[in-house]
């Protein structure tokens, strides 16, 4: 996906998130997020938008911590400000990223995925449970590009899992796992982008499902079984990878 496509998708996702925020009890629990309530989720995403806008233009002084009580009303403003910052900077502008110096295009992509996952969290708070189906009601409003889910899998495999290892948040995976998109045949090797990993290492298992299922599993929103992901080979390899914390 191009930066322009990410920015357009981000606008649709943010619009759906803002609309749903007004419909959900701010004190409702968000399933699977350790006791967070809707107000915490809105505070988090608005704060991350604010912080990411600063990172995209090399400004490290923007604090992501914002007043949770005011965020329901302010979310749309922070969402608009993020998109305006990205559009003004352009994808090739020098930026700070999660992997070091880079370009603002990193944040076009990252904030789209951040909003995609948290829109599902907000829908789950309304439904009372996190299942792939709860996302459908809001995803249609955001007109989610089918390519986005596959890109989300790639982002975890190539950016987040190696970063988790580099930061010491997890040990290198003992066994590689192939992730295969059942719809397109595209595949990724979880653990294969860790520094120093042999390109000749054979994955211990293959997990097959549609890209949406794989992305939601990697972000620990649903279990492989609930998402319909089929694991061939060492079935414990995927479970071990997820337990290790391939995403923050």
Protein backbone atom coordinates (compact mmCIF):
# COMPACT_ATOMS: atom_id res chain seq x y z
CA UNK A 1 0.00 0.00 0.00
CA UNK A 2 1.19 3.52 -0.78
CA UNK A 3 1.47 6.29 1.82
CA UNK A 4 -1.53 7.98 0.21
CA UNK A 5 -3.56 4.78 0.56
CA UNK A 6 -2.53 4.46 4.20
CA UNK A 7 -3.53 8.07 4.90
CA UNK A 8 -6.94 7.60 3.29
CA UNK A 9 -7.49 4.36 5.19
CA UNK A 10 -6.39 6.03 8.42
CA UNK A 11 -9.03 8.72 7.93
CA UNK A 12 -11.76 6.10 7.48
CA UNK A 13 -10.64 4.11 10.51
CA UNK A 14 -10.42 7.20 12.69
CA UNK A 15 -13.88 8.29 11.58
CA UNK A 16 -15.31 4.91 12.51
CA UNK A 17 -13.49 4.96 15.85
CA UNK A 18 -14.77 8.46 16.67
CA UNK A 19 -18.33 7.52 15.76
CA UNK A 20 -18.24 4.35 17.84
CA UNK A 21 -16.74 6.20 20.81
CA UNK A 22 -19.94 8.20 21.16
CA UNK A 23 -22.01 4.99 21.24
CA UNK A 24 -20.12 3.00 23.88
CA UNK A 25 -20.26 3.48 27.65
CA UNK A 26 -16.91 5.07 28.62
CA UNK A 27 -16.79 2.80 31.68
CA UNK A 28 -17.37 -0.40 29.70
CA UNK A 29 -14.56 -2.96 30.02
CA UNK A 30 -12.45 -3.63 26.92
CA UNK A 31 -12.09 -7.44 26.63
CA UNK A 32 -8.54 -8.76 26.73
CA UNK A 33 -6.79 -5.51 27.67
CA UNK A 34 -6.06 -6.12 31.33
CA UNK A 35 -8.94 -4.23 32.88
CA UNK A 36 -8.87 -1.23 30.58
CA UNK A 37 -12.14 0.64 30.18
CA UNK A 38 -13.27 2.43 27.05
CA UNK A 39 -12.06 5.75 28.42
CA UNK A 40 -8.56 4.24 28.82
CA UNK A 41 -8.61 2.95 25.26
CA UNK A 42 -9.67 6.33 23.86
CA UNK A 43 -7.02 8.05 25.98
CA UNK A 44 -4.38 5.65 24.70
CA UNK A 45 -5.19 6.03 21.01
CA UNK A 46 -5.59 9.82 21.14
CA UNK A 47 -2.32 10.08 23.04
CA UNK A 48 -0.53 7.82 20.58
CA UNK A 49 -1.83 9.91 17.67
CA UNK A 50 -0.46 13.02 19.40
CA UNK A 51 2.91 11.37 20.09
CA UNK A 52 3.22 9.84 16.60
CA UNK A 53 2.57 13.22 14.98
CA UNK A 54 5.59 14.51 16.88
CA UNK A 55 7.74 11.51 15.94
CA UNK A 56 6.82 11.99 12.28
CA UNK A 57 8.41 15.44 12.30
CA UNK A 58 11.27 14.55 14.65
CA UNK A 59 9.74 16.19 17.73
CA UNK A 60 10.45 14.06 20.82
CA UNK A 61 8.82 16.49 23.24
CA UNK A 62 5.22 15.52 22.59
CA UNK A 63 3.99 13.55 25.59
CA UNK A 64 1.50 10.75 24.79
CA UNK A 65 -0.08 11.07 28.25
CA UNK A 66 -3.30 13.09 27.99
CA UNK A 67 -6.32 13.72 30.23
CA UNK A 68 -8.54 10.65 29.92
CA UNK A 69 -11.61 12.52 31.10
CA UNK A 70 -11.46 14.92 28.16
CA UNK A 71 -10.42 12.52 25.41
CA UNK A 72 -13.82 11.41 24.16
CA UNK A 73 -14.46 14.95 22.98
CA UNK A 74 -10.88 15.57 21.89
CA UNK A 75 -10.23 12.33 19.98
CA UNK A 76 -11.37 13.68 16.63
CA UNK A 77 -9.13 16.70 17.06
CA UNK A 78 -6.05 14.58 17.70
CA UNK A 79 -6.97 12.30 14.81
CA UNK A 80 -7.30 15.27 12.47
CA UNK A 81 -4.04 16.75 13.75
CA UNK A 82 -2.17 13.52 13.08
CA UNK A 83 -3.40 13.30 9.50
CA UNK A 84 -2.67 16.98 8.89
CA UNK A 85 0.87 16.55 10.24
CA UNK A 86 1.52 13.50 8.06
CA UNK A 87 0.07 15.14 4.97
CA UNK A 88 2.10 18.32 5.50
CA UNK A 89 5.34 16.45 6.21
CA UNK A 90 4.96 14.00 3.33
CA UNK A 91 6.08 10.37 3.42
CA UNK A 92 9.73 11.12 2.63
CA UNK A 93 10.32 13.61 5.46
CA UNK A 94 12.98 12.68 8.00
CA UNK A 95 11.38 11.19 11.11
CA UNK A 96 12.05 9.23 14.26
CA UNK A 97 10.64 5.71 14.11
CA UNK A 98 10.44 2.69 16.38
CA UNK A 99 13.52 1.27 14.66
CA UNK A 100 15.64 4.43 14.59
CA UNK A 101 15.93 7.31 12.13
CA UNK A 102 13.68 6.88 9.11
CA UNK A 103 10.96 8.65 7.20
CA UNK A 104 7.44 9.77 8.02
CA UNK A 105 6.05 6.97 5.85
CA UNK A 106 6.66 4.68 8.84
CA UNK A 107 3.95 6.56 10.75
CA UNK A 108 1.50 6.57 7.83
CA UNK A 109 1.60 2.79 8.11
CA UNK A 110 1.98 2.35 11.89
CA UNK A 111 -0.86 4.64 12.89
CA UNK A 112 -3.19 2.99 10.39
CA UNK A 113 -2.53 -0.40 11.97
CA UNK A 114 -2.75 1.05 15.49
CA UNK A 115 -6.20 2.41 14.72
CA UNK A 116 -7.29 -0.76 12.92
CA UNK A 117 -6.64 -2.95 15.96
CA UNK A 118 -8.07 -0.52 18.50
CA UNK A 119 -11.24 -0.05 16.45
CA UNK A 120 -11.73 -3.76 16.99
CA UNK A 121 -11.11 -3.30 20.71
CA UNK A 122 -13.79 -0.62 20.87
CA UNK A 123 -16.23 -2.85 18.99
CA UNK A 124 -15.43 -5.66 21.43
CA UNK A 125 -16.21 -3.37 24.36
CA UNK A 126 -19.62 -2.73 22.85
CA UNK A 127 -20.23 -6.43 22.17
CA UNK A 128 -18.74 -7.68 25.44
CA UNK A 129 -16.36 -10.12 23.75
CA UNK A 130 -13.49 -10.11 21.25
CA UNK A 131 -14.25 -12.33 18.26
CA UNK A 132 -13.44 -11.77 14.57
CA UNK A 133 -17.15 -11.27 13.95
CA UNK A 134 -17.49 -8.23 16.24
CA UNK A 135 -15.18 -6.38 13.91
CA UNK A 136 -17.39 -6.82 10.84
CA UNK A 137 -20.02 -4.31 11.95
CA UNK A 138 -17.52 -1.47 12.15
CA UNK A 139 -15.02 -2.57 9.50
CA UNK A 140 -17.58 -2.00 6.77
CA UNK A 141 -17.94 1.62 7.87
CA UNK A 142 -14.17 2.09 7.62
CA UNK A 143 -14.02 0.35 4.21
CA UNK A 144 -10.97 -1.64 5.26
CA UNK A 145 -8.65 -2.39 2.35
CA UNK A 146 -8.17 -6.19 2.23
CA UNK A 147 -4.43 -5.66 1.76
CA UNK A 148 -4.19 -3.99 5.15
CA UNK A 149 -4.46 -7.22 7.13
CA UNK A 150 -1.62 -8.85 5.19
CA UNK A 151 0.49 -5.74 5.67
CA UNK A 152 -0.25 -5.98 9.39
CA UNK A 153 1.17 -9.51 9.47
CA UNK A 154 4.25 -8.31 7.61
CA UNK A 155 4.70 -5.42 10.05
CA UNK A 156 4.70 -7.80 13.02
CA UNK A 157 7.12 -10.22 11.36
CA UNK A 158 9.58 -7.65 10.01
CA UNK A 159 9.31 -4.81 12.55
CA UNK A 160 7.79 -5.76 15.89
CA UNK A 161 9.07 -9.28 16.58
CA UNK A 162 12.71 -8.40 15.80
CA UNK A 163 12.32 -5.20 17.84
CA UNK A 164 10.98 -7.15 20.82
CA UNK A 165 14.11 -9.31 20.69
CA UNK A 166 16.42 -6.33 20.23
CA UNK A 167 14.91 -4.53 23.23
CA UNK A 168 15.29 -7.62 25.42
CA UNK A 169 11.56 -8.04 25.88
CA UNK A 170 11.72 -11.62 24.60
CA UNK A 171 14.37 -14.18 23.73
CA UNK A 172 14.90 -15.15 20.09
CA UNK A 173 12.32 -17.71 19.07
CA UNK A 174 13.52 -21.26 19.61
CA UNK A 175 11.54 -22.38 16.56
CA UNK A 176 10.56 -20.47 13.43
CA UNK A 177 6.92 -20.45 12.31
CA UNK A 178 5.65 -19.92 8.78
CA UNK A 179 2.49 -17.83 8.56
CA UNK A 180 0.51 -18.48 5.38
CA UNK A 181 -2.39 -16.45 4.00
CA UNK A 182 -4.95 -19.03 2.90
CA UNK A 183 -6.51 -16.62 0.39
CA UNK A 184 -3.41 -15.48 -1.49
CA UNK A 185 -0.71 -18.00 -0.63
CA UNK A 186 1.55 -15.23 0.66
CA UNK A 187 3.77 -16.34 3.52
CA UNK A 188 6.00 -14.85 6.20
CA UNK A 189 8.50 -16.46 8.59
CA UNK A 190 7.99 -15.43 12.19
CA UNK A 191 11.44 -15.18 13.77
CA UNK A 192 13.19 -15.12 10.42
CA UNK A 193 14.06 -11.42 10.63
CA UNK A 194 15.90 -11.65 13.95
CA UNK A 195 19.50 -10.44 13.73
CA UNK A 196 21.93 -13.29 13.11
CA UNK A 197 19.28 -15.86 12.20
CA UNK A 198 20.36 -18.36 9.57
CA UNK A 199 18.41 -18.04 6.31
CA UNK A 200 18.66 -21.82 5.95
CA UNK A 201 16.77 -22.61 9.16
CA UNK A 202 13.63 -24.66 8.56
CA UNK A 203 10.42 -23.50 10.27
CA UNK A 204 8.99 -25.96 12.78
CA UNK A 205 5.37 -25.27 11.88
CA UNK A 206 3.08 -23.57 9.37
CA UNK A 207 0.05 -21.60 10.56
CA UNK A 208 -2.53 -21.07 7.82
CA UNK A 209 -5.50 -18.72 7.91
CA UNK A 210 -6.80 -15.61 6.24
CA UNK A 211 -4.66 -12.52 6.79
CA UNK A 212 -7.16 -10.94 9.15
CA UNK A 213 -7.11 -14.01 11.39
CA UNK A 214 -3.31 -14.12 11.39
CA UNK A 215 -3.01 -10.43 12.24
CA UNK A 216 -5.51 -10.64 15.10
CA UNK A 217 -3.77 -13.75 16.47
CA UNK A 218 -0.37 -12.03 16.41
CA UNK A 219 -1.82 -9.10 18.35
CA UNK A 220 -3.37 -11.60 20.81
CA UNK A 221 -6.94 -10.45 20.22
CA UNK A 222 -8.18 -13.97 19.40
CA UNK A 223 -6.77 -17.46 19.75
CA UNK A 224 -5.66 -19.43 16.69
CA UNK A 225 -8.51 -21.88 17.26
CA UNK A 226 -11.15 -19.16 17.51
CA UNK A 227 -9.77 -17.49 14.39
CA UNK A 228 -9.82 -20.73 12.39
CA UNK A 229 -6.03 -20.84 12.00
CA UNK A 230 -4.76 -24.34 11.17
CA UNK A 231 -1.30 -25.29 12.45
CA UNK A 232 0.69 -28.02 10.69
CA UNK A 233 3.92 -29.38 12.15
CA UNK A 234 4.95 -28.58 15.70
CA UNK A 235 1.72 -27.17 17.10
CA UNK A 236 3.50 -25.86 20.18
CA UNK A 237 5.78 -23.62 18.12
CA UNK A 238 3.10 -21.01 17.39
CA UNK A 239 1.84 -21.11 20.98
CA UNK A 240 5.39 -20.57 22.25
CA UNK A 241 5.91 -17.62 19.90
CA UNK A 242 2.69 -15.95 21.01
CA UNK A 243 3.49 -16.56 24.66
CA UNK A 244 6.92 -15.01 24.18
CA UNK A 245 5.35 -11.70 23.20
CA UNK A 246 6.05 -11.05 19.51
CA UNK A 247 4.03 -7.83 19.83
CA UNK A 248 4.21 -5.31 22.69
